N, C-alpha and C. Protein backbone atom coordinates (compact mmCIF):
# COMPACT_ATOMS: atom_id res chain seq x y z
N MET A 1 22.19 12.63 -24.70
CA MET A 1 23.14 12.46 -23.58
C MET A 1 24.33 10.89 -24.51
N THR A 2 25.38 11.28 -24.94
CA THR A 2 26.35 10.07 -25.37
C THR A 2 26.33 9.09 -23.84
N ASP A 3 26.91 7.85 -24.77
CA ASP A 3 26.68 6.64 -23.69
C ASP A 3 28.67 6.31 -23.39
N VAL A 4 28.92 6.61 -22.62
CA VAL A 4 30.31 6.61 -21.76
C VAL A 4 30.57 4.99 -21.39
N SER A 5 29.50 4.42 -21.16
CA SER A 5 29.92 3.18 -20.88
C SER A 5 30.77 2.55 -20.96
N PRO A 6 31.86 1.31 -20.30
CA PRO A 6 33.07 0.75 -20.87
C PRO A 6 32.68 -0.22 -21.67
N PRO A 7 33.48 -0.69 -22.96
CA PRO A 7 33.64 -1.35 -23.56
C PRO A 7 32.74 -3.14 -23.57
N GLY A 8 31.30 -2.73 -24.30
CA GLY A 8 30.43 -4.75 -23.84
C GLY A 8 30.30 -4.27 -22.69
N THR A 9 29.56 -3.08 -21.86
CA THR A 9 28.74 -3.26 -20.63
C THR A 9 26.65 -2.77 -21.20
N ARG A 10 26.81 -2.43 -22.51
CA ARG A 10 25.98 -1.64 -22.79
C ARG A 10 24.60 -3.08 -23.03
N GLN A 11 25.26 -3.91 -22.70
CA GLN A 11 23.83 -5.74 -22.77
C GLN A 11 24.15 -6.38 -21.62
N PRO A 12 23.32 -7.36 -21.16
CA PRO A 12 24.11 -7.99 -20.14
C PRO A 12 24.33 -9.22 -20.45
N ARG A 13 24.74 -9.85 -21.66
CA ARG A 13 25.36 -10.35 -22.09
C ARG A 13 27.08 -9.87 -21.81
N GLY A 14 26.93 -8.76 -22.18
CA GLY A 14 28.69 -8.08 -21.93
C GLY A 14 28.61 -7.59 -20.35
N ARG A 15 27.78 -6.84 -20.19
CA ARG A 15 28.07 -6.77 -18.30
C ARG A 15 28.62 -8.23 -18.32
N ALA A 16 27.91 -9.29 -18.18
CA ALA A 16 28.49 -10.72 -17.65
C ALA A 16 30.16 -11.28 -17.77
N ARG A 17 29.92 -11.20 -18.96
CA ARG A 17 31.53 -11.33 -19.73
C ARG A 17 32.79 -10.20 -18.90
N ARG A 18 32.23 -9.33 -19.02
CA ARG A 18 33.24 -8.21 -18.47
C ARG A 18 33.77 -8.62 -16.55
N ALA A 19 32.44 -8.83 -15.60
CA ALA A 19 32.18 -9.01 -14.18
C ALA A 19 33.17 -10.34 -14.52
N SER A 20 33.16 -11.22 -15.15
CA SER A 20 33.71 -12.64 -15.12
C SER A 20 35.08 -12.25 -15.58
N VAL A 21 35.51 -11.86 -16.23
CA VAL A 21 37.17 -11.23 -16.31
C VAL A 21 37.54 -10.45 -14.95
N LEU A 22 36.46 -9.18 -14.53
CA LEU A 22 37.07 -8.68 -13.90
C LEU A 22 37.80 -9.80 -12.49
N GLU A 23 36.60 -10.61 -11.84
CA GLU A 23 36.87 -11.58 -11.12
C GLU A 23 38.07 -12.77 -10.88
N ALA A 24 38.10 -13.35 -12.38
CA ALA A 24 39.34 -14.14 -12.75
C ALA A 24 40.40 -13.07 -12.80
N ALA A 25 40.62 -11.93 -13.22
CA ALA A 25 42.32 -11.06 -13.17
C ALA A 25 42.20 -10.97 -11.47
N ARG A 26 41.06 -10.93 -10.29
CA ARG A 26 40.89 -10.40 -9.31
C ARG A 26 41.65 -11.54 -8.58
N ARG A 27 41.71 -12.93 -8.91
CA ARG A 27 41.95 -14.27 -8.58
C ARG A 27 42.72 -14.48 -8.79
N LEU A 28 43.82 -13.98 -10.11
CA LEU A 28 44.91 -14.57 -10.04
C LEU A 28 46.11 -13.14 -10.38
N PHE A 29 45.71 -11.78 -9.67
CA PHE A 29 46.24 -11.14 -9.16
C PHE A 29 47.12 -11.02 -8.28
N SER A 30 45.74 -11.88 -6.96
CA SER A 30 45.86 -11.79 -5.67
C SER A 30 47.15 -13.70 -5.75
N SER A 31 46.81 -14.14 -6.52
CA SER A 31 48.01 -14.94 -6.15
C SER A 31 48.92 -14.95 -7.23
N GLN A 32 49.16 -14.30 -8.15
CA GLN A 32 49.81 -14.28 -8.79
C GLN A 32 51.08 -13.40 -8.74
N GLY A 33 50.47 -11.95 -8.42
CA GLY A 33 50.88 -10.84 -8.54
C GLY A 33 50.33 -10.47 -10.26
N PHE A 34 50.93 -8.96 -9.89
CA PHE A 34 50.32 -8.64 -11.49
C PHE A 34 51.00 -9.54 -12.64
N LYS A 35 52.61 -8.94 -12.15
CA LYS A 35 53.22 -9.52 -13.23
C LYS A 35 53.33 -10.76 -14.14
N GLY A 36 52.69 -11.32 -12.59
CA GLY A 36 52.82 -13.65 -13.27
C GLY A 36 51.42 -14.10 -14.21
N ALA A 37 50.48 -12.98 -13.50
CA ALA A 37 49.35 -13.46 -14.44
C ALA A 37 49.40 -12.45 -15.40
N SER A 38 49.65 -13.49 -16.54
CA SER A 38 48.88 -13.21 -18.06
C SER A 38 47.44 -13.26 -18.47
N LEU A 39 47.76 -11.99 -19.16
CA LEU A 39 45.67 -12.11 -19.93
C LEU A 39 45.82 -13.29 -20.97
N VAL A 40 46.94 -14.31 -21.54
CA VAL A 40 46.20 -15.91 -21.53
C VAL A 40 45.95 -16.30 -20.56
N ALA A 41 46.00 -16.34 -19.29
CA ALA A 41 46.13 -17.34 -18.22
C ALA A 41 44.28 -16.67 -18.01
N ILE A 42 44.05 -15.19 -17.46
CA ILE A 42 42.76 -14.70 -17.10
C ILE A 42 41.80 -15.24 -18.45
N ALA A 43 41.86 -14.60 -19.14
CA ALA A 43 41.04 -15.53 -20.49
C ALA A 43 41.17 -16.50 -20.34
N GLN A 44 41.66 -17.57 -20.44
CA GLN A 44 40.86 -19.26 -19.98
C GLN A 44 39.90 -18.65 -18.75
N GLU A 45 40.80 -18.25 -17.69
CA GLU A 45 40.00 -18.42 -16.43
C GLU A 45 38.78 -18.04 -16.36
N ALA A 46 38.30 -16.74 -16.86
CA ALA A 46 37.45 -16.59 -17.18
C ALA A 46 36.20 -17.21 -18.14
N GLY A 47 36.61 -18.09 -19.01
CA GLY A 47 36.63 -18.32 -19.81
C GLY A 47 35.75 -17.91 -21.52
N LEU A 48 37.32 -16.86 -21.88
CA LEU A 48 37.44 -16.16 -23.32
C LEU A 48 38.06 -16.74 -23.97
N THR A 49 37.75 -16.09 -25.07
CA THR A 49 38.99 -16.05 -25.90
C THR A 49 40.32 -14.72 -25.70
N ASP A 50 41.17 -14.94 -26.04
CA ASP A 50 42.52 -13.45 -25.72
C ASP A 50 41.73 -12.40 -26.18
N ALA A 51 40.73 -12.40 -27.30
CA ALA A 51 40.45 -11.48 -28.08
C ALA A 51 39.16 -10.97 -27.51
N GLY A 52 38.34 -11.75 -26.78
CA GLY A 52 37.04 -11.39 -26.14
C GLY A 52 37.88 -10.47 -24.95
N LEU A 53 38.01 -10.89 -24.60
CA LEU A 53 39.04 -10.41 -23.24
C LEU A 53 39.66 -9.34 -24.13
N LEU A 54 40.29 -8.73 -24.51
CA LEU A 54 41.13 -7.46 -25.20
C LEU A 54 39.71 -6.72 -25.70
N TYR A 55 38.76 -7.07 -26.16
CA TYR A 55 37.43 -6.45 -25.95
C TYR A 55 36.86 -5.32 -25.18
N HIS A 56 37.35 -6.61 -23.97
CA HIS A 56 36.91 -5.10 -22.65
C HIS A 56 37.52 -4.90 -22.24
N PHE A 57 38.86 -5.18 -21.84
CA PHE A 57 40.37 -4.58 -21.22
C PHE A 57 41.00 -4.46 -22.57
N PRO A 58 41.94 -3.05 -23.57
CA PRO A 58 42.42 -3.42 -24.85
C PRO A 58 43.95 -3.72 -24.12
N THR A 59 44.41 -3.30 -22.82
CA THR A 59 45.94 -3.54 -22.14
C THR A 59 45.71 -4.54 -20.46
N LYS A 60 47.02 -4.81 -20.55
CA LYS A 60 46.50 -5.49 -18.97
C LYS A 60 46.62 -4.34 -18.12
N ASN A 61 47.18 -3.10 -17.70
CA ASN A 61 47.16 -1.72 -17.47
C ASN A 61 45.82 -1.73 -16.93
N ASP A 62 44.94 -1.39 -18.25
CA ASP A 62 43.10 -1.19 -18.00
C ASP A 62 42.70 -1.76 -17.20
N LEU A 63 42.88 -3.22 -17.08
CA LEU A 63 42.23 -4.66 -16.74
C LEU A 63 42.48 -4.33 -15.39
N LEU A 64 43.79 -4.07 -15.08
CA LEU A 64 44.27 -4.06 -13.25
C LEU A 64 43.51 -2.75 -12.88
N LEU A 65 43.61 -1.17 -13.25
CA LEU A 65 42.74 -0.99 -12.90
C LEU A 65 41.30 -0.53 -13.08
N ALA A 66 40.83 -1.55 -13.81
CA ALA A 66 39.29 -1.74 -13.30
C ALA A 66 38.67 -3.13 -12.27
N VAL A 67 40.01 -3.89 -11.74
CA VAL A 67 39.83 -4.67 -10.68
C VAL A 67 40.55 -3.24 -9.66
N ILE A 68 41.05 -3.02 -9.54
CA ILE A 68 41.48 -1.69 -8.37
C ILE A 68 39.70 -0.89 -8.33
N ALA A 69 39.18 -0.78 -9.02
CA ALA A 69 38.24 0.25 -9.27
C ALA A 69 36.76 -0.68 -8.50
N GLU A 70 37.23 -1.49 -8.33
CA GLU A 70 36.07 -2.83 -8.51
C GLU A 70 36.05 -3.09 -6.94
N GLY A 71 37.49 -3.31 -6.68
CA GLY A 71 38.04 -3.34 -4.85
C GLY A 71 37.33 -2.20 -4.34
N ASP A 72 37.98 -1.10 -4.99
CA ASP A 72 37.22 0.03 -4.69
C ASP A 72 36.13 0.05 -3.88
N ARG A 73 34.75 -0.18 -5.17
CA ARG A 73 33.83 0.10 -4.46
C ARG A 73 33.23 -0.98 -3.40
N GLU A 74 34.06 -2.06 -3.70
CA GLU A 74 33.36 -2.90 -2.76
C GLU A 74 33.81 -2.18 -1.07
N GLN A 75 34.63 -1.92 -1.49
CA GLN A 75 35.06 -1.44 0.28
C GLN A 75 35.03 0.45 0.33
N ASP A 76 34.60 0.17 -0.44
CA ASP A 76 33.57 1.87 -0.18
C ASP A 76 31.85 1.34 0.80
N GLU A 77 31.63 0.56 0.07
CA GLU A 77 30.08 0.18 0.57
C GLU A 77 30.54 -0.49 2.21
N THR A 78 32.29 -1.18 1.96
CA THR A 78 31.64 -1.24 3.60
C THR A 78 32.35 -0.28 4.55
N LEU A 79 32.69 1.17 3.82
CA LEU A 79 33.22 1.84 5.00
C LEU A 79 32.07 2.46 5.19
N ALA A 80 30.74 2.75 4.08
CA ALA A 80 30.19 3.58 3.78
C ALA A 80 29.07 3.08 5.98
N GLN A 81 29.20 2.15 6.38
CA GLN A 81 28.74 2.06 7.55
C GLN A 81 29.45 2.55 9.03
N VAL A 82 30.91 3.22 8.52
CA VAL A 82 31.19 4.49 10.11
C VAL A 82 31.12 6.13 8.85
N ARG A 83 30.37 6.01 7.62
CA ARG A 83 31.39 7.07 6.65
C ARG A 83 30.43 8.13 8.43
N ASP A 84 28.92 7.78 8.51
CA ASP A 84 28.62 8.97 9.46
C ASP A 84 28.84 9.04 11.08
N ALA A 85 30.07 8.68 10.88
CA ALA A 85 30.71 8.26 12.23
C ALA A 85 31.33 8.93 12.07
N ARG A 86 31.14 9.91 13.60
CA ARG A 86 33.05 10.56 13.74
C ARG A 86 33.43 10.42 15.19
N GLY A 87 35.07 10.89 15.56
CA GLY A 87 35.08 10.73 16.88
C GLY A 87 35.83 9.55 17.61
N LEU A 88 34.90 9.29 18.26
CA LEU A 88 35.13 7.56 18.63
C LEU A 88 34.73 6.99 18.43
N PRO A 89 33.57 6.86 18.18
CA PRO A 89 32.19 5.99 17.70
C PRO A 89 32.98 5.52 15.94
N LEU A 90 33.69 6.38 15.49
CA LEU A 90 34.69 5.96 14.22
C LEU A 90 35.92 5.05 14.73
N LEU A 91 36.01 5.41 15.59
CA LEU A 91 37.29 4.69 16.25
C LEU A 91 37.39 3.17 16.48
N LEU A 92 35.52 3.22 16.95
CA LEU A 92 35.36 1.82 17.87
C LEU A 92 35.07 1.12 16.47
N ARG A 93 34.21 1.52 15.68
CA ARG A 93 34.38 1.24 14.25
C ARG A 93 35.05 0.55 13.62
N MET A 94 36.38 0.62 13.61
CA MET A 94 37.50 0.23 12.98
C MET A 94 38.61 -0.75 13.58
N ALA A 95 37.68 -0.85 15.15
CA ALA A 95 37.73 -1.92 15.92
C ALA A 95 37.89 -3.37 14.56
N GLU A 96 36.97 -3.54 14.44
CA GLU A 96 35.87 -4.57 13.41
C GLU A 96 36.18 -5.02 11.95
N PHE A 97 37.21 -3.23 11.78
CA PHE A 97 38.32 -3.00 10.07
C PHE A 97 39.04 -4.84 10.14
N GLY A 98 39.62 -5.54 10.59
CA GLY A 98 40.01 -6.94 10.10
C GLY A 98 39.16 -7.61 10.25
N ALA A 99 38.21 -7.83 10.95
CA ALA A 99 37.36 -8.60 10.49
C ALA A 99 36.71 -8.61 9.16
N ASP A 100 36.34 -7.51 9.13
CA ASP A 100 35.51 -6.74 7.62
C ASP A 100 36.92 -7.68 6.22
N LEU A 101 38.30 -7.43 6.34
CA LEU A 101 39.36 -7.94 5.55
C LEU A 101 39.08 -9.50 5.49
N GLU A 102 38.90 -9.68 6.14
CA GLU A 102 39.18 -11.30 6.35
C GLU A 102 37.96 -11.73 5.74
N ALA A 103 36.53 -11.50 5.81
CA ALA A 103 35.48 -11.37 5.22
C ALA A 103 36.03 -11.05 3.80
N ASP A 104 36.79 -11.00 3.40
CA ASP A 104 37.17 -11.19 1.54
C ASP A 104 38.52 -11.43 1.47
N PRO A 105 39.15 -12.64 1.54
CA PRO A 105 40.17 -13.13 1.77
C PRO A 105 41.19 -12.49 0.44
N VAL A 106 40.32 -12.67 -1.01
CA VAL A 106 40.80 -12.68 -1.84
C VAL A 106 40.79 -11.14 -2.32
N LEU A 107 40.32 -10.06 -2.16
CA LEU A 107 40.41 -8.58 -1.88
C LEU A 107 41.60 -8.59 -1.27
N THR A 108 41.74 -9.04 -0.45
CA THR A 108 42.87 -8.28 0.80
C THR A 108 44.21 -8.94 -0.26
N ALA A 109 44.55 -10.00 -0.02
CA ALA A 109 45.31 -10.34 -0.56
C ALA A 109 46.05 -9.31 -1.79
N LEU A 110 45.17 -9.11 -2.78
CA LEU A 110 45.29 -8.37 -3.63
C LEU A 110 46.13 -7.16 -3.81
N ASP A 111 45.31 -6.93 -2.40
CA ASP A 111 45.70 -5.81 -1.67
C ASP A 111 47.52 -5.41 -1.50
N VAL A 112 47.34 -6.29 -0.72
CA VAL A 112 49.11 -6.65 -0.16
C VAL A 112 50.05 -7.48 -1.27
N THR A 113 49.41 -7.68 -2.19
CA THR A 113 50.04 -8.37 -3.53
C THR A 113 50.75 -6.64 -4.15
N LEU A 114 49.89 -6.28 -4.75
CA LEU A 114 49.65 -5.22 -5.86
C LEU A 114 50.38 -3.78 -5.20
N SER A 115 50.11 -3.81 -3.90
CA SER A 115 51.33 -2.56 -3.17
C SER A 115 52.73 -3.28 -2.64
N ALA A 116 52.77 -4.05 -2.89
CA ALA A 116 54.23 -4.66 -2.55
C ALA A 116 54.83 -4.76 -4.31
N GLU A 117 54.24 -5.01 -5.17
CA GLU A 117 55.13 -4.77 -6.85
C GLU A 117 54.66 -3.38 -7.45
N HIS A 118 54.30 -2.72 -6.44
CA HIS A 118 54.54 -0.89 -7.19
C HIS A 118 54.77 -0.28 -5.96
N LEU A 119 55.39 -0.52 -5.64
CA LEU A 119 56.17 0.76 -4.64
C LEU A 119 56.89 1.65 -5.04
N GLN A 120 57.38 1.74 -6.46
CA GLN A 120 58.18 2.09 -6.89
C GLN A 120 57.77 3.75 -7.41
N THR A 121 57.92 4.74 -7.22
CA THR A 121 57.34 5.96 -7.68
C THR A 121 56.95 6.13 -9.16
N GLY A 122 56.52 6.89 -9.51
CA GLY A 122 56.31 7.44 -10.94
C GLY A 122 54.91 6.47 -11.63
N SER A 123 54.29 5.49 -11.45
CA SER A 123 53.57 4.79 -11.92
C SER A 123 52.10 5.32 -11.74
N GLU A 124 50.95 4.65 -12.39
CA GLU A 124 49.89 5.13 -11.91
C GLU A 124 49.75 4.04 -10.95
N ILE A 125 49.76 2.69 -10.33
CA ILE A 125 49.13 2.12 -8.76
C ILE A 125 49.71 2.86 -7.84
N ASN A 126 50.93 3.21 -8.05
CA ASN A 126 52.03 3.55 -6.82
C ASN A 126 51.11 4.52 -7.27
N ALA A 127 50.65 5.62 -7.71
CA ALA A 127 49.72 6.72 -6.87
C ALA A 127 48.96 6.48 -6.35
N TYR A 128 47.89 5.42 -6.75
CA TYR A 128 46.96 5.19 -6.24
C TYR A 128 47.12 4.60 -5.24
N PHE A 129 47.72 3.94 -4.41
CA PHE A 129 48.01 3.18 -3.34
C PHE A 129 48.60 4.38 -1.68
N VAL A 130 49.40 5.47 -2.96
CA VAL A 130 49.88 6.49 -1.91
C VAL A 130 48.48 7.11 -1.59
N ARG A 131 47.50 7.88 -2.77
CA ARG A 131 46.87 8.57 -2.03
C ARG A 131 45.55 8.00 -1.47
N ARG A 132 45.52 6.19 -1.75
CA ARG A 132 44.05 5.69 -0.50
C ARG A 132 45.05 5.90 1.09
N TYR A 133 46.53 5.55 0.93
CA TYR A 133 46.91 5.52 2.74
C TYR A 133 46.99 6.64 3.06
N ASP A 134 47.00 8.28 2.50
CA ASP A 134 46.88 9.29 2.44
C ASP A 134 44.99 9.51 3.24
N ASN A 135 44.08 9.04 2.32
CA ASN A 135 42.99 9.22 2.61
C ASN A 135 42.47 8.62 4.36
N PHE A 136 43.31 8.01 3.99
CA PHE A 136 42.28 6.26 5.30
C PHE A 136 43.40 6.87 6.74
N ARG A 137 44.87 7.45 6.30
CA ARG A 137 45.44 7.78 7.69
C ARG A 137 44.74 9.26 8.18
N ALA A 138 44.34 10.17 7.07
CA ALA A 138 43.80 11.50 7.32
C ALA A 138 42.18 10.97 8.56
N MET A 139 41.62 10.25 7.50
CA MET A 139 40.36 9.77 8.17
C MET A 139 39.97 9.74 9.89
N LEU A 140 41.36 8.49 9.93
CA LEU A 140 42.46 8.33 11.64
C LEU A 140 42.38 9.52 12.01
N ALA A 141 42.78 10.34 11.73
CA ALA A 141 43.77 11.60 12.22
C ALA A 141 42.24 12.47 12.85
N GLU A 142 41.35 12.95 11.77
CA GLU A 142 40.40 13.38 12.23
C GLU A 142 39.18 12.87 13.19
N ALA A 143 39.54 11.46 12.86
CA ALA A 143 38.69 10.77 14.16
C ALA A 143 39.08 10.60 15.70
N LEU A 144 40.56 11.02 15.70
CA LEU A 144 41.03 11.02 16.85
C LEU A 144 41.33 12.41 17.69
N ARG A 145 41.53 13.40 16.61
CA ARG A 145 40.81 14.46 16.41
C ARG A 145 40.04 15.25 17.33
N GLU A 146 38.85 15.14 16.82
CA GLU A 146 37.85 14.74 16.81
C GLU A 146 37.01 14.46 18.27
N ALA A 147 38.00 12.79 18.33
CA ALA A 147 37.62 12.62 19.72
C ALA A 147 38.49 12.77 21.33
N ALA A 148 39.08 14.13 20.63
CA ALA A 148 40.18 14.78 21.74
C ALA A 148 39.56 15.70 22.33
N GLN A 149 38.66 17.18 20.55
CA GLN A 149 38.38 17.92 21.35
C GLN A 149 36.82 17.72 21.91
N ALA A 150 36.50 16.40 22.11
CA ALA A 150 35.10 15.80 22.47
C ALA A 150 35.40 15.60 23.89
N GLY A 151 36.57 15.13 24.67
CA GLY A 151 37.09 15.00 25.92
C GLY A 151 37.27 13.70 25.98
N ASP A 152 36.77 12.33 25.20
CA ASP A 152 36.74 11.15 24.91
C ASP A 152 37.90 10.68 25.21
N LEU A 153 38.79 11.76 24.60
CA LEU A 153 40.69 11.28 24.80
C LEU A 153 41.74 12.02 24.82
N ARG A 154 42.73 12.05 25.61
CA ARG A 154 43.11 13.38 25.61
C ARG A 154 43.74 14.44 24.94
N ALA A 155 44.12 15.16 25.27
CA ALA A 155 44.07 16.75 24.72
C ALA A 155 44.89 16.62 23.77
N ASP A 156 46.01 15.92 24.82
CA ASP A 156 47.93 15.74 24.43
C ASP A 156 48.15 14.90 23.30
N LEU A 157 47.50 13.95 22.70
CA LEU A 157 47.55 12.97 21.82
C LEU A 157 47.99 13.82 20.64
N ASP A 158 48.74 13.06 19.43
CA ASP A 158 49.37 13.65 18.10
C ASP A 158 48.62 12.70 17.28
N PRO A 159 47.46 13.32 16.73
CA PRO A 159 46.44 12.66 15.45
C PRO A 159 47.06 11.61 14.49
N GLU A 160 48.35 12.89 14.06
CA GLU A 160 48.91 11.86 13.40
C GLU A 160 49.64 10.66 13.21
N VAL A 161 50.83 11.11 14.27
CA VAL A 161 51.53 9.55 15.10
C VAL A 161 50.26 8.50 15.15
N GLU A 162 49.20 8.68 15.95
CA GLU A 162 48.74 7.75 16.44
C GLU A 162 47.57 7.26 15.36
N ALA A 163 47.16 8.20 14.05
CA ALA A 163 46.69 7.36 12.93
C ALA A 163 47.49 6.24 12.60
N ALA A 164 48.92 6.76 11.71
CA ALA A 164 50.03 6.30 11.19
C ALA A 164 50.27 4.53 11.68
N ASN A 165 50.50 5.05 13.59
CA ASN A 165 51.13 3.31 13.62
C ASN A 165 49.20 2.62 13.75
N MET A 166 47.97 3.15 13.89
CA MET A 166 46.84 2.37 13.60
C MET A 166 46.51 1.64 12.03
N THR A 167 47.58 2.38 11.01
CA THR A 167 47.81 1.92 10.02
C THR A 167 48.61 1.00 10.07
N ALA A 168 49.76 1.17 10.39
CA ALA A 168 51.05 0.25 10.29
C ALA A 168 50.39 -0.86 10.88
N VAL A 169 49.66 -0.82 12.26
CA VAL A 169 49.15 -2.28 12.81
C VAL A 169 48.26 -3.16 11.67
N LEU A 170 47.25 -2.45 11.32
CA LEU A 170 46.75 -3.28 10.23
C LEU A 170 47.08 -3.84 9.11
N ASP A 171 48.49 -3.09 8.46
CA ASP A 171 48.77 -3.49 7.44
C ASP A 171 49.68 -4.92 7.87
N GLY A 172 50.45 -4.52 8.86
CA GLY A 172 50.94 -5.75 9.34
C GLY A 172 50.56 -6.77 9.96
N LEU A 173 49.32 -6.81 10.86
CA LEU A 173 48.19 -7.99 10.86
C LEU A 173 47.95 -8.66 9.28
N ARG A 174 47.48 -7.60 8.58
CA ARG A 174 47.15 -8.19 7.15
C ARG A 174 47.83 -9.17 6.43
N LEU A 175 49.37 -8.85 6.61
CA LEU A 175 50.28 -9.46 6.06
C LEU A 175 50.59 -10.74 6.80
N GLN A 176 50.77 -10.60 8.38
CA GLN A 176 51.22 -11.79 8.73
C GLN A 176 49.27 -13.03 9.05
N TRP A 177 47.86 -12.24 8.42
CA TRP A 177 47.54 -13.23 8.30
C TRP A 177 47.72 -14.08 6.96
N LEU A 178 47.80 -13.00 6.07
CA LEU A 178 48.71 -13.57 5.11
C LEU A 178 49.28 -15.06 4.81
N LEU A 179 50.26 -14.41 5.22
CA LEU A 179 51.96 -15.20 5.44
C LEU A 179 51.39 -17.06 5.96
N SER A 180 50.58 -16.46 7.53
CA SER A 180 50.50 -17.71 8.12
C SER A 180 48.85 -18.65 8.01
N GLY A 181 48.52 -18.17 6.06
CA GLY A 181 47.33 -19.18 6.31
C GLY A 181 45.70 -18.74 6.80
N GLY A 182 46.16 -17.73 7.66
CA GLY A 182 45.01 -17.39 8.31
C GLY A 182 45.16 -17.57 10.57
N GLY A 183 45.92 -17.71 10.49
CA GLY A 183 46.84 -18.04 11.49
C GLY A 183 46.30 -17.42 12.73
N VAL A 184 47.09 -16.22 12.01
CA VAL A 184 47.01 -15.21 12.74
C VAL A 184 46.08 -14.03 12.54
N SER A 185 45.08 -13.71 13.20
CA SER A 185 43.86 -13.26 13.35
C SER A 185 43.65 -12.27 13.34
N MET A 186 43.55 -11.06 12.23
CA MET A 186 43.03 -9.76 11.37
C MET A 186 42.37 -9.45 12.62
N ALA A 187 41.72 -9.58 12.83
CA ALA A 187 39.96 -9.82 13.13
C ALA A 187 40.64 -9.06 15.32
N GLN A 188 40.83 -9.68 15.44
CA GLN A 188 40.88 -10.13 16.94
C GLN A 188 42.17 -9.37 17.44
N GLY A 189 43.49 -9.49 16.99
CA GLY A 189 44.39 -8.11 16.81
C GLY A 189 44.37 -6.88 16.69
N MET A 190 43.06 -6.10 15.18
CA MET A 190 42.67 -5.14 15.64
C MET A 190 41.60 -4.71 16.63
N ARG A 191 40.82 -5.99 16.91
CA ARG A 191 40.01 -5.18 18.30
C ARG A 191 40.96 -4.80 19.27
N ALA A 192 42.43 -5.52 19.48
CA ALA A 192 42.83 -6.04 20.26
C ALA A 192 43.66 -4.45 20.79
N TYR A 193 44.03 -4.14 19.31
CA TYR A 193 45.55 -2.67 19.29
C TYR A 193 44.51 -1.58 19.34
N VAL A 194 42.53 -1.64 18.71
CA VAL A 194 42.52 0.03 18.73
C VAL A 194 42.01 0.23 20.52
N HIS A 195 40.93 -1.05 20.37
CA HIS A 195 40.56 -0.79 22.31
C HIS A 195 41.50 -0.49 23.05
N GLY A 196 42.95 -1.54 22.91
CA GLY A 196 44.40 -0.41 24.08
C GLY A 196 44.55 0.33 23.58
N ALA A 197 44.49 0.98 22.39
CA ALA A 197 44.72 1.91 21.92
C ALA A 197 43.31 3.27 22.63
N ILE A 198 42.23 3.26 22.87
CA ILE A 198 41.33 4.48 23.49
C ILE A 198 41.85 4.05 25.09
N GLU A 199 42.08 3.02 25.09
CA GLU A 199 42.03 2.86 26.77
C GLU A 199 43.45 3.83 27.24
N ARG A 200 44.96 3.62 26.26
CA ARG A 200 46.03 4.19 26.56
C ARG A 200 46.03 5.96 26.17
N LEU A 201 44.62 6.20 26.10
CA LEU A 201 44.46 7.70 24.92
C LEU A 201 43.42 7.99 26.17
N SER A 202 42.91 7.49 26.29
CA SER A 202 41.40 7.82 27.40
C SER A 202 41.95 9.12 28.24
N ALA A 203 40.79 10.39 28.63
CA ALA A 203 41.08 11.16 28.61
C ALA A 203 41.48 11.47 30.89
N PRO A 204 42.00 11.70 31.56
CA PRO A 204 41.99 11.05 33.07
C PRO A 204 40.81 11.49 33.19
C-alpha cells in the first residue's frame, strides 16, 4: 500500500516538527490573521528554518488548511459527546457549547479571525466556513424538529429559524467574549439563551 502521509510525518521527529509548526501557525493566525502572519514569523515561532517549514507546508494556504483541519479534529472530539444525542438532549448539551469554546481561546480566536477574513466567495476557506455553518445549523434544526415530534417542544416551531438564531447568538457571544477579553461570558450567555429558548418553545 502506498504511504500517503503528509511530508515529514513518517518519523517521530518529523511529526513533532509538523505539530510545532501547526501550533505556532494557530497562535499567529489567531492573533495576527492569515494576512498578517508571515511564514518567516511562523517558522521562527516554531524554531525552524524557512526551508524546514516549507518542507512540511509548501505554501501558506497549505499551512492554513492544515491548521483548520486540526481545529476541526479537536472540535469533532468535543462534539462527539453529543453525536449520539438527539432532540431535546442534544439541545441541552448545546447549552454548554459556550463553555467548550472558552476552554480553547486560541482556536476560538482563530475561527473568528479566519471567518472574518474570508467572507468573499470563491475561496477555499470561504467554502469551508459556508459548509461548516450549513452543517451546524442542520444539526440544530434536526434536533429541534425531533424535539417537536417527541412532544418536548411546540409542534408549530420553525426549526430552521430557531437553528439560525441559536447559531447567531453563539457567534455574537464569541465575538463579544473576544473583544471584552473574556468579560462577556460565552458559557453563561449560551446557557441562558438555550434554556430560555427551550422554555419559550416548550409544548403547552
